[in-house]
């Protein structure tokens, strides 16, 4: 069974803080082949497409394309601030291993 990804309130709050939705933009989460572990996340601001899954909160949107959706089933999208920097993160229960950079994973 495929579960939609979840977006934390902290991630939506960060999108609102940077004003992502003011110009019709959304945070796009996609999965692509490549990276040091086989797959990698593509996280960027983009215009939503017609066939995207749209997750909304605090007036902001996170979108996932239909090809990436099975790879992100049950994942949690968050925003973290650490000593090494601040970034959007993905806790993906489908990943069997991940790279130290946090943007590459294998299944």
PDB file of N, CA and C in Angstrom:
ATOM      1  N   UNK A   1       0.841  -1.187   0.000  1.00  0.00           N
ATOM      2  CA  UNK A   1       0.000   0.000   0.000  1.00  0.00           C
ATOM      3  C   UNK A   1       0.882   1.245   0.000  1.00  0.00           C
ATOM      4  N   UNK A   2       0.591   2.154  -0.883  1.00  0.00           N
ATOM      5  CA  UNK A   2       1.374   3.374  -1.015  1.00  0.00           C
ATOM      6  C   UNK A   2       0.794   4.470  -0.132  1.00  0.00           C
ATOM      7  N   UNK A   3       1.615   5.001   0.771  1.00  0.00           N
ATOM      8  CA  UNK A   3       1.202   6.094   1.641  1.00  0.00           C
ATOM      9  C   UNK A   3       1.773   7.401   1.104  1.00  0.00           C
ATOM     10  N   UNK A   4       1.009   8.479   1.163  1.00  0.00           N
ATOM     11  CA  UNK A   4       1.581   9.751   0.705  1.00  0.00           C
ATOM     12  C   UNK A   4       2.660  10.219   1.684  1.00  0.00           C
ATOM     13  N   UNK A   5       3.636  10.967   1.184  1.00  0.00           N
ATOM     14  CA  UNK A   5       4.625  11.530   2.099  1.00  0.00           C
ATOM     15  C   UNK A   5       3.952  12.539   3.033  1.00  0.00           C
ATOM     16  N   UNK A   6       4.586  12.785   4.173  1.00  0.00           N
ATOM     17  CA  UNK A   6       4.088  13.770   5.140  1.00  0.00           C
ATOM     18  C   UNK A   6       5.062  14.934   5.159  1.00  0.00           C
ATOM     19  N   UNK A   7       4.542  16.123   5.401  1.00  0.00           N
ATOM     20  CA  UNK A   7       5.369  17.317   5.518  1.00  0.00           C
ATOM     21  C   UNK A   7       5.162  17.876   6.913  1.00  0.00           C
ATOM     22  N   UNK A   8       6.247  18.145   7.632  1.00  0.00           N
ATOM     23  CA  UNK A   8       6.135  18.668   8.990  1.00  0.00           C
ATOM     24  C   UNK A   8       5.730  20.141   8.974  1.00  0.00           C
ATOM     25  N   UNK A   9       5.181  20.581  10.092  1.00  0.00           N
ATOM     26  CA  UNK A   9       4.830  21.992  10.246  1.00  0.00           C
ATOM     27  C   UNK A   9       6.073  22.865  10.132  1.00  0.00           C
ATOM     28  N   UNK A  10       7.207  22.362  10.620  1.00  0.00           N
ATOM     29  CA  UNK A  10       8.468  23.114  10.548  1.00  0.00           C
ATOM     30  C   UNK A  10       8.879  23.358   9.090  1.00  0.00           C
ATOM     31  N   UNK A  11       8.679  22.366   8.207  1.00  0.00           N
ATOM     32  CA  UNK A  11       9.006  22.531   6.786  1.00  0.00           C
ATOM     33  C   UNK A  11       8.077  23.545   6.132  1.00  0.00           C
ATOM     34  N   UNK A  12       6.769  23.456   6.428  1.00  0.00           N
ATOM     35  CA  UNK A  12       5.837  24.438   5.879  1.00  0.00           C
ATOM     36  C   UNK A  12       6.161  25.836   6.402  1.00  0.00           C
ATOM     37  N   UNK A  13       6.528  25.942   7.668  1.00  0.00           N
ATOM     38  CA  UNK A  13       6.871  27.246   8.254  1.00  0.00           C
ATOM     39  C   UNK A  13       8.086  27.851   7.552  1.00  0.00           C
ATOM     40  N   UNK A  14       9.078  27.038   7.233  1.00  0.00           N
ATOM     41  CA  UNK A  14      10.265  27.544   6.538  1.00  0.00           C
ATOM     42  C   UNK A  14       9.901  28.016   5.131  1.00  0.00           C
ATOM     43  N   UNK A  15       9.029  27.280   4.444  1.00  0.00           N
ATOM     44  CA  UNK A  15       8.576  27.710   3.118  1.00  0.00           C
ATOM     45  C   UNK A  15       7.851  29.050   3.208  1.00  0.00           C
ATOM     46  N   UNK A  16       7.028  29.219   4.237  1.00  0.00           N
ATOM     47  CA  UNK A  16       6.322  30.490   4.431  1.00  0.00           C
ATOM     48  C   UNK A  16       7.310  31.606   4.734  1.00  0.00           C
ATOM     49  N   UNK A  17       8.327  31.302   5.506  1.00  0.00           N
ATOM     50  CA  UNK A  17       9.343  32.291   5.878  1.00  0.00           C
ATOM     51  C   UNK A  17      10.102  32.809   4.653  1.00  0.00           C
ATOM     52  N   UNK A  18      10.402  31.931   3.723  1.00  0.00           N
ATOM     53  CA  UNK A  18      11.138  32.359   2.526  1.00  0.00           C
ATOM     54  C   UNK A  18      10.201  32.853   1.426  1.00  0.00           C
ATOM     55  N   UNK A  19       8.894  32.766   1.665  1.00  0.00           N
ATOM     56  CA  UNK A  19       7.921  33.288   0.708  1.00  0.00           C
ATOM     57  C   UNK A  19       7.807  32.473  -0.561  1.00  0.00           C
ATOM     58  N   UNK A  20       7.959  31.160  -0.458  1.00  0.00           N
ATOM     59  CA  UNK A  20       7.936  30.294  -1.638  1.00  0.00           C
ATOM     60  C   UNK A  20       6.625  30.389  -2.405  1.00  0.00           C
ATOM     61  N   UNK A  21       5.513  30.448  -1.716  1.00  0.00           N
ATOM     62  CA  UNK A  21       4.212  30.422  -2.377  1.00  0.00           C
ATOM     63  C   UNK A  21       3.763  31.749  -2.957  1.00  0.00           C
ATOM     64  N   UNK A  22       4.489  32.830  -2.674  1.00  0.00           N
ATOM     65  CA  UNK A  22       4.042  34.143  -3.131  1.00  0.00           C
ATOM     66  C   UNK A  22       4.115  34.303  -4.644  1.00  0.00           C
ATOM     67  N   UNK A  23       4.938  33.536  -5.290  1.00  0.00           N
ATOM     68  CA  UNK A  23       5.051  33.628  -6.747  1.00  0.00           C
ATOM     69  C   UNK A  23       4.568  32.348  -7.426  1.00  0.00           C
ATOM     70  N   UNK A  24       3.664  31.616  -6.775  1.00  0.00           N
ATOM     71  CA  UNK A  24       3.122  30.393  -7.358  1.00  0.00           C
ATOM     72  C   UNK A  24       4.080  29.221  -7.324  1.00  0.00           C
ATOM     73  N   UNK A  25       5.139  29.346  -6.558  1.00  0.00           N
ATOM     74  CA  UNK A  25       6.136  28.287  -6.463  1.00  0.00           C
ATOM     75  C   UNK A  25       5.777  27.307  -5.340  1.00  0.00           C
ATOM     76  N   UNK A  26       6.310  26.115  -5.448  1.00  0.00           N
ATOM     77  CA  UNK A  26       6.143  25.084  -4.428  1.00  0.00           C
ATOM     78  C   UNK A  26       7.489  24.391  -4.261  1.00  0.00           C
ATOM     79  N   UNK A  27       7.672  23.721  -3.143  1.00  0.00           N
ATOM     80  CA  UNK A  27       8.877  22.918  -2.944  1.00  0.00           C
ATOM     81  C   UNK A  27       8.660  21.589  -3.656  1.00  0.00           C
ATOM     82  N   UNK A  28       9.473  21.315  -4.673  1.00  0.00           N
ATOM     83  CA  UNK A  28       9.367  20.058  -5.404  1.00  0.00           C
ATOM     84  C   UNK A  28      10.340  19.057  -4.799  1.00  0.00           C
ATOM     85  N   UNK A  29       9.833  17.865  -4.481  1.00  0.00           N
ATOM     86  CA  UNK A  29      10.646  16.747  -4.016  1.00  0.00           C
ATOM     87  C   UNK A  29      10.557  15.685  -5.105  1.00  0.00           C
ATOM     88  N   UNK A  30      11.688  15.348  -5.699  1.00  0.00           N
ATOM     89  CA  UNK A  30      11.721  14.340  -6.759  1.00  0.00           C
ATOM     90  C   UNK A  30      12.842  13.350  -6.474  1.00  0.00           C
ATOM     91  N   UNK A  31      12.730  12.175  -7.055  1.00  0.00           N
ATOM     92  CA  UNK A  31      13.764  11.142  -6.945  1.00  0.00           C
ATOM     93  C   UNK A  31      14.305  10.895  -8.342  1.00  0.00           C
ATOM     94  N   UNK A  32      15.625  10.911  -8.450  1.00  0.00           N
ATOM     95  CA  UNK A  32      16.285  10.685  -9.737  1.00  0.00           C
ATOM     96  C   UNK A  32      17.315   9.582  -9.581  1.00  0.00           C
ATOM     97  N   UNK A  33      17.650   8.924 -10.669  1.00  0.00           N
ATOM     98  CA  UNK A  33      18.740   7.959 -10.656  1.00  0.00           C
ATOM     99  C   UNK A  33      20.056   8.702 -10.520  1.00  0.00           C
ATOM    100  N   UNK A  34      21.014   8.084  -9.853  1.00  0.00           N
ATOM    101  CA  UNK A  34      22.323   8.714  -9.684  1.00  0.00           C
ATOM    102  C   UNK A  34      22.682   8.856  -8.227  1.00  0.00           C
ATOM    103  N   UNK A  35      23.679   9.664  -7.965  1.00  0.00           N
ATOM    104  CA  UNK A  35      24.137   9.818  -6.590  1.00  0.00           C
ATOM    105  C   UNK A  35      25.011   8.651  -6.217  1.00  0.00           C
ATOM    106  N   UNK A  36      25.689   8.752  -5.111  1.00  0.00           N
ATOM    107  CA  UNK A  36      26.647   7.715  -4.727  1.00  0.00           C
ATOM    108  C   UNK A  36      25.981   6.448  -4.204  1.00  0.00           C
ATOM    109  N   UNK A  37      24.658   6.489  -3.939  1.00  0.00           N
ATOM    110  CA  UNK A  37      23.971   5.303  -3.436  1.00  0.00           C
ATOM    111  C   UNK A  37      22.946   4.736  -4.405  1.00  0.00           C
ATOM    112  N   UNK A  38      22.821   5.295  -5.597  1.00  0.00           N
ATOM    113  CA  UNK A  38      21.899   4.753  -6.590  1.00  0.00           C
ATOM    114  C   UNK A  38      20.761   5.684  -6.957  1.00  0.00           C
ATOM    115  N   UNK A  39      20.172   6.354  -5.973  1.00  0.00           N
ATOM    116  CA  UNK A  39      19.115   7.337  -6.202  1.00  0.00           C
ATOM    117  C   UNK A  39      19.506   8.607  -5.474  1.00  0.00           C
ATOM    118  N   UNK A  40      18.968   9.731  -5.949  1.00  0.00           N
ATOM    119  CA  UNK A  40      19.213  10.978  -5.244  1.00  0.00           C
ATOM    120  C   UNK A  40      17.959  11.832  -5.247  1.00  0.00           C
ATOM    121  N   UNK A  41      17.835  12.662  -4.223  1.00  0.00           N
ATOM    122  CA  UNK A  41      16.707  13.577  -4.117  1.00  0.00           C
ATOM    123  C   UNK A  41      17.018  14.859  -4.878  1.00  0.00           C
ATOM    124  N   UNK A  42      16.021  15.369  -5.557  1.00  0.00           N
ATOM    125  CA  UNK A  42      16.090  16.679  -6.176  1.00  0.00           C
ATOM    126  C   UNK A  42      15.096  17.547  -5.414  1.00  0.00           C
ATOM    127  N   UNK A  43      15.589  18.522  -4.671  1.00  0.00           N
ATOM    128  CA  UNK A  43      14.756  19.387  -3.845  1.00  0.00           C
ATOM    129  C   UNK A  43      14.954  20.810  -4.346  1.00  0.00           C
ATOM    130  N   UNK A  44      13.869  21.406  -4.852  1.00  0.00           N
ATOM    131  CA  UNK A  44      13.990  22.757  -5.421  1.00  0.00           C
ATOM    132  C   UNK A  44      12.626  23.436  -5.469  1.00  0.00           C
ATOM    133  N   UNK A  45      12.632  24.739  -5.640  1.00  0.00           N
ATOM    134  CA  UNK A  45      11.396  25.474  -5.854  1.00  0.00           C
ATOM    135  C   UNK A  45      11.026  25.342  -7.326  1.00  0.00           C
ATOM    136  N   UNK A  46       9.736  25.092  -7.572  1.00  0.00           N
ATOM    137  CA  UNK A  46       9.285  24.844  -8.931  1.00  0.00           C
ATOM    138  C   UNK A  46       7.794  25.169  -9.019  1.00  0.00           C
ATOM    139  N   UNK A  47       7.297  25.286 -10.221  1.00  0.00           N
ATOM    140  CA  UNK A  47       5.872  25.480 -10.449  1.00  0.00           C
ATOM    141  C   UNK A  47       5.185  24.120 -10.450  1.00  0.00           C
ATOM    142  N   UNK A  48       4.098  23.955  -9.694  1.00  0.00           N
ATOM    143  CA  UNK A  48       3.395  22.664  -9.686  1.00  0.00           C
ATOM    144  C   UNK A  48       2.882  22.290 -11.075  1.00  0.00           C
ATOM    145  N   UNK A  49       2.941  20.996 -11.383  1.00  0.00           N
ATOM    146  CA  UNK A  49       2.414  20.463 -12.643  1.00  0.00           C
ATOM    147  C   UNK A  49       1.042  19.839 -12.385  1.00  0.00           C
ATOM    148  N   UNK A  50       0.305  19.606 -13.449  1.00  0.00           N
ATOM    149  CA  UNK A  50      -1.050  19.085 -13.332  1.00  0.00           C
ATOM    150  C   UNK A  50      -1.130  17.731 -12.637  1.00  0.00           C
ATOM    151  N   UNK A  51      -0.158  16.846 -12.885  1.00  0.00           N
ATOM    152  CA  UNK A  51      -0.233  15.491 -12.330  1.00  0.00           C
ATOM    153  C   UNK A  51       0.549  15.327 -11.017  1.00  0.00           C
ATOM    154  N   UNK A  52       0.985  16.407 -10.406  1.00  0.00           N
ATOM    155  CA  UNK A  52       1.705  16.334  -9.130  1.00  0.00           C
ATOM    156  C   UNK A  52       0.761  16.030  -7.974  1.00  0.00           C
ATOM    157  N   UNK A  53       1.280  15.311  -6.981  1.00  0.00           N
ATOM    158  CA  UNK A  53       0.606  15.226  -5.691  1.00  0.00           C
ATOM    159  C   UNK A  53       0.944  16.530  -4.983  1.00  0.00           C
ATOM    160  N   UNK A  54      -0.064  17.237  -4.500  1.00  0.00           N
ATOM    161  CA  UNK A  54       0.147  18.517  -3.832  1.00  0.00           C
ATOM    162  C   UNK A  54      -0.188  18.355  -2.352  1.00  0.00           C
ATOM    163  N   UNK A  55       0.791  18.662  -1.496  1.00  0.00           N
ATOM    164  CA  UNK A  55       0.616  18.637  -0.052  1.00  0.00           C
ATOM    165  C   UNK A  55       0.620  20.088   0.412  1.00  0.00           C
ATOM    166  N   UNK A  56      -0.412  20.506   1.160  1.00  0.00           N
ATOM    167  CA  UNK A  56      -0.540  21.901   1.529  1.00  0.00           C
ATOM    168  C   UNK A  56      -0.594  22.099   3.031  1.00  0.00           C
ATOM    169  N   UNK A  57      -0.015  23.222   3.468  1.00  0.00           N
ATOM    170  CA  UNK A  57      -0.052  23.613   4.869  1.00  0.00           C
ATOM    171  C   UNK A  57       0.476  25.029   5.013  1.00  0.00           C
ATOM    172  N   UNK A  58      -0.118  25.796   5.902  1.00  0.00           N
ATOM    173  CA  UNK A  58       0.293  27.173   6.189  1.00  0.00           C
ATOM    174  C   UNK A  58       0.350  28.029   4.927  1.00  0.00           C
ATOM    175  N   UNK A  59      -0.523  27.741   3.959  1.00  0.00           N
ATOM    176  CA  UNK A  59      -0.559  28.503   2.720  1.00  0.00           C
ATOM    177  C   UNK A  59       0.554  28.152   1.747  1.00  0.00           C
ATOM    178  N   UNK A  60       1.311  27.124   2.026  1.00  0.00           N
ATOM    179  CA  UNK A  60       2.440  26.704   1.190  1.00  0.00           C
ATOM    180  C   UNK A  60       2.159  25.334   0.594  1.00  0.00           C
ATOM    181  N   UNK A  61       2.935  24.977  -0.445  1.00  0.00           N
ATOM    182  CA  UNK A  61       2.742  23.695  -1.127  1.00  0.00           C
ATOM    183  C   UNK A  61       4.065  22.954  -1.278  1.00  0.00           C
ATOM    184  N   UNK A  62       3.967  21.633  -1.138  1.00  0.00           N
ATOM    185  CA  UNK A  62       5.058  20.721  -1.476  1.00  0.00           C
ATOM    186  C   UNK A  62       4.484  19.788  -2.520  1.00  0.00           C
ATOM    187  N   UNK A  63       5.215  19.593  -3.624  1.00  0.00           N
ATOM    188  CA  UNK A  63       4.706  18.756  -4.712  1.00  0.00           C
ATOM    189  C   UNK A  63       5.653  17.593  -4.985  1.00  0.00           C
ATOM    190  N   UNK A  64       5.048  16.468  -5.381  1.00  0.00           N
ATOM    191  CA  UNK A  64       5.794  15.259  -5.736  1.00  0.00           C
ATOM    192  C   UNK A  64       5.222  14.750  -7.048  1.00  0.00           C
ATOM    193  N   UNK A  65       6.094  14.491  -8.015  1.00  0.00           N
ATOM    194  CA  UNK A  65       5.627  13.982  -9.306  1.00  0.00           C
ATOM    195  C   UNK A  65       5.248  12.508  -9.182  1.00  0.00           C
ATOM    196  N   UNK A  66       4.452  12.030 -10.129  1.00  0.00           N
ATOM    197  CA  UNK A  66       3.911  10.666 -10.064  1.00  0.00           C
ATOM    198  C   UNK A  66       4.998   9.590 -10.163  1.00  0.00           C
ATOM    199  N   UNK A  67       6.101   9.863 -10.836  1.00  0.00           N
ATOM    200  CA  UNK A  67       7.183   8.883 -10.949  1.00  0.00           C
ATOM    201  C   UNK A  67       7.928   8.729  -9.618  1.00  0.00           C
ATOM    202  N   UNK A  68       8.099   9.827  -8.895  1.00  0.00           N
ATOM    203  CA  UNK A  68       8.828   9.810  -7.624  1.00  0.00           C
ATOM    204  C   UNK A  68       7.986   9.303  -6.461  1.00  0.00           C
ATOM    205  N   UNK A  69       6.677   9.390  -6.594  1.00  0.00           N
ATOM    206  CA  UNK A  69       5.777   9.062  -5.486  1.00  0.00           C
ATOM    207  C   UNK A  69       6.006   7.677  -4.878  1.00  0.00           C
ATOM    208  N   UNK A  70       6.154   6.597  -5.648  1.00  0.00           N
ATOM    209  CA  UNK A  70       6.379   5.288  -5.018  1.00  0.00           C
ATOM    210  C   UNK A  70       7.672   5.230  -4.188  1.00  0.00           C
ATOM    211  N   UNK A  71       8.688   5.971  -4.585  1.00  0.00           N
ATOM    212  CA  UNK A  71       9.952   5.998  -3.848  1.00  0.00           C
ATOM    213  C   UNK A  71       9.826   6.755  -2.531  1.00  0.00           C
ATOM    214  N   UNK A  72       8.819   7.618  -2.423  1.00  0.00           N
ATOM    215  CA  UNK A  72       8.641   8.468  -1.243  1.00  0.00           C
ATOM    216  C   UNK A  72       7.452   8.049  -0.392  1.00  0.00           C
ATOM    217  N   UNK A  73       6.903   6.872  -0.641  1.00  0.00           N
ATOM    218  CA  UNK A  73       5.752   6.382   0.112  1.00  0.00           C
ATOM    219  C   UNK A  73       6.072   6.345   1.612  1.00  0.00           C
ATOM    220  N   UNK A  74       5.292   7.066   2.403  1.00  0.00           N
ATOM    221  CA  UNK A  74       5.459   7.082   3.857  1.00  0.00           C
ATOM    222  C   UNK A  74       6.614   7.940   4.355  1.00  0.00           C
ATOM    223  N   UNK A  75       7.287   8.663   3.472  1.00  0.00           N
ATOM    224  CA  UNK A  75       8.428   9.496   3.871  1.00  0.00           C
ATOM    225  C   UNK A  75       7.950  10.746   4.611  1.00  0.00           C
ATOM    226  N   UNK A  76       8.853  11.320   5.401  1.00  0.00           N
ATOM    227  CA  UNK A  76       8.572  12.569   6.108  1.00  0.00           C
ATOM    228  C   UNK A  76       9.545  13.637   5.628  1.00  0.00           C
ATOM    229  N   UNK A  77       8.995  14.746   5.185  1.00  0.00           N
ATOM    230  CA  UNK A  77       9.788  15.876   4.708  1.00  0.00           C
ATOM    231  C   UNK A  77       9.828  16.902   5.832  1.00  0.00           C
ATOM    232  N   UNK A  78      11.040  17.313   6.213  1.00  0.00           N
ATOM    233  CA  UNK A  78      11.222  18.197   7.359  1.00  0.00           C
ATOM    234  C   UNK A  78      12.233  19.284   6.997  1.00  0.00           C
ATOM    235  N   UNK A  79      12.391  20.238   7.875  1.00  0.00           N
ATOM    236  CA  UNK A  79      13.432  21.256   7.753  1.00  0.00           C
ATOM    237  C   UNK A  79      14.238  21.225   9.030  1.00  0.00           C
ATOM    238  N   UNK A  80      15.555  21.121   8.908  1.00  0.00           N
ATOM    239  CA  UNK A  80      16.411  21.058  10.093  1.00  0.00           C
ATOM    240  C   UNK A  80      17.456  22.160  10.052  1.00  0.00           C
ATOM    241  N   UNK A  81      17.821  22.624  11.233  1.00  0.00           N
ATOM    242  CA  UNK A  81      18.902  23.595  11.392  1.00  0.00           C
ATOM    243  C   UNK A  81      19.918  22.983  12.344  1.00  0.00           C
ATOM    244  N   UNK A  82      21.131  22.792  11.838  1.00  0.00           N
ATOM    245  CA  UNK A  82      22.204  22.182  12.626  1.00  0.00           C
ATOM    246  C   UNK A  82      23.449  23.037  12.495  1.00  0.00           C
ATOM    247  N   UNK A  83      24.497  22.679  13.193  1.00  0.00           N
ATOM    248  CA  UNK A  83      25.748  23.416  13.091  1.00  0.00           C
ATOM    249  C   UNK A  83      26.302  23.432  11.674  1.00  0.00           C
ATOM    250  N   UNK A  84      26.057  22.349  10.925  1.00  0.00           N
ATOM    251  CA  UNK A  84      26.593  22.267   9.562  1.00  0.00           C
ATOM    252  C   UNK A  84      25.728  23.004   8.547  1.00  0.00           C
ATOM    253  N   UNK A  85      24.577  23.493   8.958  1.00  0.00           N
ATOM    254  CA  UNK A  85      23.719  24.250   8.060  1.00  0.00           C
ATOM    255  C   UNK A  85      22.251  23.903   8.230  1.00  0.00           C
ATOM    256  N   UNK A  86      21.434  24.585   7.468  1.00  0.00           N
ATOM    257  CA  UNK A  86      19.992  24.367   7.493  1.00  0.00           C
ATOM    258  C   UNK A  86      19.571  23.820   6.133  1.00  0.00           C
ATOM    259  N   UNK A  87      18.620  22.860   6.150  1.00  0.00           N
ATOM    260  CA  UNK A  87      18.200  22.248   4.887  1.00  0.00           C
ATOM    261  C   UNK A  87      16.907  21.471   5.073  1.00  0.00           C
ATOM    262  N   UNK A  88      16.259  21.208   3.951  1.00  0.00           N
ATOM    263  CA  UNK A  88      15.111  20.313   3.957  1.00  0.00           C
ATOM    264  C   UNK A  88      15.657  18.889   3.970  1.00  0.00           C
ATOM    265  N   UNK A  89      15.055  18.029   4.773  1.00  0.00           N
ATOM    266  CA  UNK A  89      15.507  16.642   4.886  1.00  0.00           C
ATOM    267  C   UNK A  89      14.344  15.700   4.597  1.00  0.00           C
ATOM    268  N   UNK A  90      14.696  14.469   4.250  1.00  0.00           N
ATOM    269  CA  UNK A  90      13.688  13.445   3.972  1.00  0.00           C
ATOM    270  C   UNK A  90      14.024  12.204   4.778  1.00  0.00           C
ATOM    271  N   UNK A  91      13.101  11.796   5.635  1.00  0.00           N
ATOM    272  CA  UNK A  91      13.221  10.540   6.371  1.00  0.00           C
ATOM    273  C   UNK A  91      12.408   9.525   5.582  1.00  0.00           C
ATOM    274  N   UNK A  92      13.103   8.658   4.848  1.00  0.00           N
ATOM    275  CA  UNK A  92      12.456   7.755   3.910  1.00  0.00           C
ATOM    276  C   UNK A  92      12.521   6.314   4.422  1.00  0.00           C
ATOM    277  N   UNK A  93      11.380   5.728   4.807  1.00  0.00           N
ATOM    278  CA  UNK A  93      11.380   4.356   5.315  1.00  0.00           C
ATOM    279  C   UNK A  93      11.690   3.315   4.233  1.00  0.00           C
ATOM    280  N   UNK A  94      11.679   3.707   2.959  1.00  0.00           N
ATOM    281  CA  UNK A  94      11.960   2.792   1.856  1.00  0.00           C
ATOM    282  C   UNK A  94      13.448   2.664   1.566  1.00  0.00           C
ATOM    283  N   UNK A  95      14.252   3.580   2.084  1.00  0.00           N
ATOM    284  CA  UNK A  95      15.687   3.580   1.819  1.00  0.00           C
ATOM    285  C   UNK A  95      16.375   2.526   2.686  1.00  0.00           C
ATOM    286  N   UNK A  96      17.137   1.646   2.062  1.00  0.00           N
ATOM    287  CA  UNK A  96      17.874   0.624   2.820  1.00  0.00           C
ATOM    288  C   UNK A  96      19.206   1.169   3.320  1.00  0.00           C
ATOM    289  N   UNK A  97      19.744   2.167   2.634  1.00  0.00           N
ATOM    290  CA  UNK A  97      20.952   2.840   3.094  1.00  0.00           C
ATOM    291  C   UNK A  97      20.966   4.245   2.477  1.00  0.00           C
ATOM    292  N   UNK A  98      21.761   5.108   3.075  1.00  0.00           N
ATOM    293  CA  UNK A  98      21.861   6.467   2.541  1.00  0.00           C
ATOM    294  C   UNK A  98      23.290   6.950   2.663  1.00  0.00           C
ATOM    295  N   UNK A  99      23.581   7.970   1.910  1.00  0.00           N
ATOM    296  CA  UNK A  99      24.908   8.575   1.888  1.00  0.00           C
ATOM    297  C   UNK A  99      25.017   9.567   3.058  1.00  0.00           C
ATOM    298  N   UNK A 100      26.206   9.886   3.452  1.00  0.00           N
ATOM    299  CA  UNK A 100      26.423  10.846   4.525  1.00  0.00           C
ATOM    300  C   UNK A 100      25.880  12.224   4.214  1.00  0.00           C
ATOM    301  N   UNK A 101      25.763  12.564   2.935  1.00  0.00           N
ATOM    302  CA  UNK A 101      25.266  13.892   2.561  1.00  0.00           C
ATOM    303  C   UNK A 101      23.756  14.014   2.759  1.00  0.00           C
ATOM    304  N   UNK A 102      23.045  12.886   2.848  1.00  0.00           N
ATOM    305  CA  UNK A 102      21.610  12.903   3.067  1.00  0.00           C
ATOM    306  C   UNK A 102      20.785  13.110   1.812  1.00  0.00           C
ATOM    307  N   UNK A 103      21.420  13.245   0.655  1.00  0.00           N
ATOM    308  CA  UNK A 103      20.655  13.441  -0.571  1.00  0.00           C
ATOM    309  C   UNK A 103      20.692  12.235  -1.490  1.00  0.00           C
ATOM    310  N   UNK A 104      21.400  11.189  -1.111  1.00  0.00           N
ATOM    311  CA  UNK A 104      21.527   9.989  -1.936  1.00  0.00           C
ATOM    312  C   UNK A 104      21.125   8.769  -1.106  1.00  0.00           C
ATOM    313  N   UNK A 105      20.461   7.802  -1.752  1.00  0.00           N
ATOM    314  CA  UNK A 105      19.998   6.628  -1.019  1.00  0.00           C
ATOM    315  C   UNK A 105      19.886   5.437  -1.955  1.00  0.00           C
ATOM    316  N   UNK A 106      19.768   4.247  -1.367  1.00  0.00           N
ATOM    317  CA  UNK A 106      19.498   3.031  -2.145  1.00  0.00           C
ATOM    318  C   UNK A 106      18.284   2.336  -1.559  1.00  0.00           C
ATOM    319  N   UNK A 107      17.687   1.475  -2.364  1.00  0.00           N
ATOM    320  CA  UNK A 107      16.484   0.753  -1.924  1.00  0.00           C
ATOM    321  C   UNK A 107      16.720  -0.735  -2.019  1.00  0.00           C
TER     322      UNK A 107
END
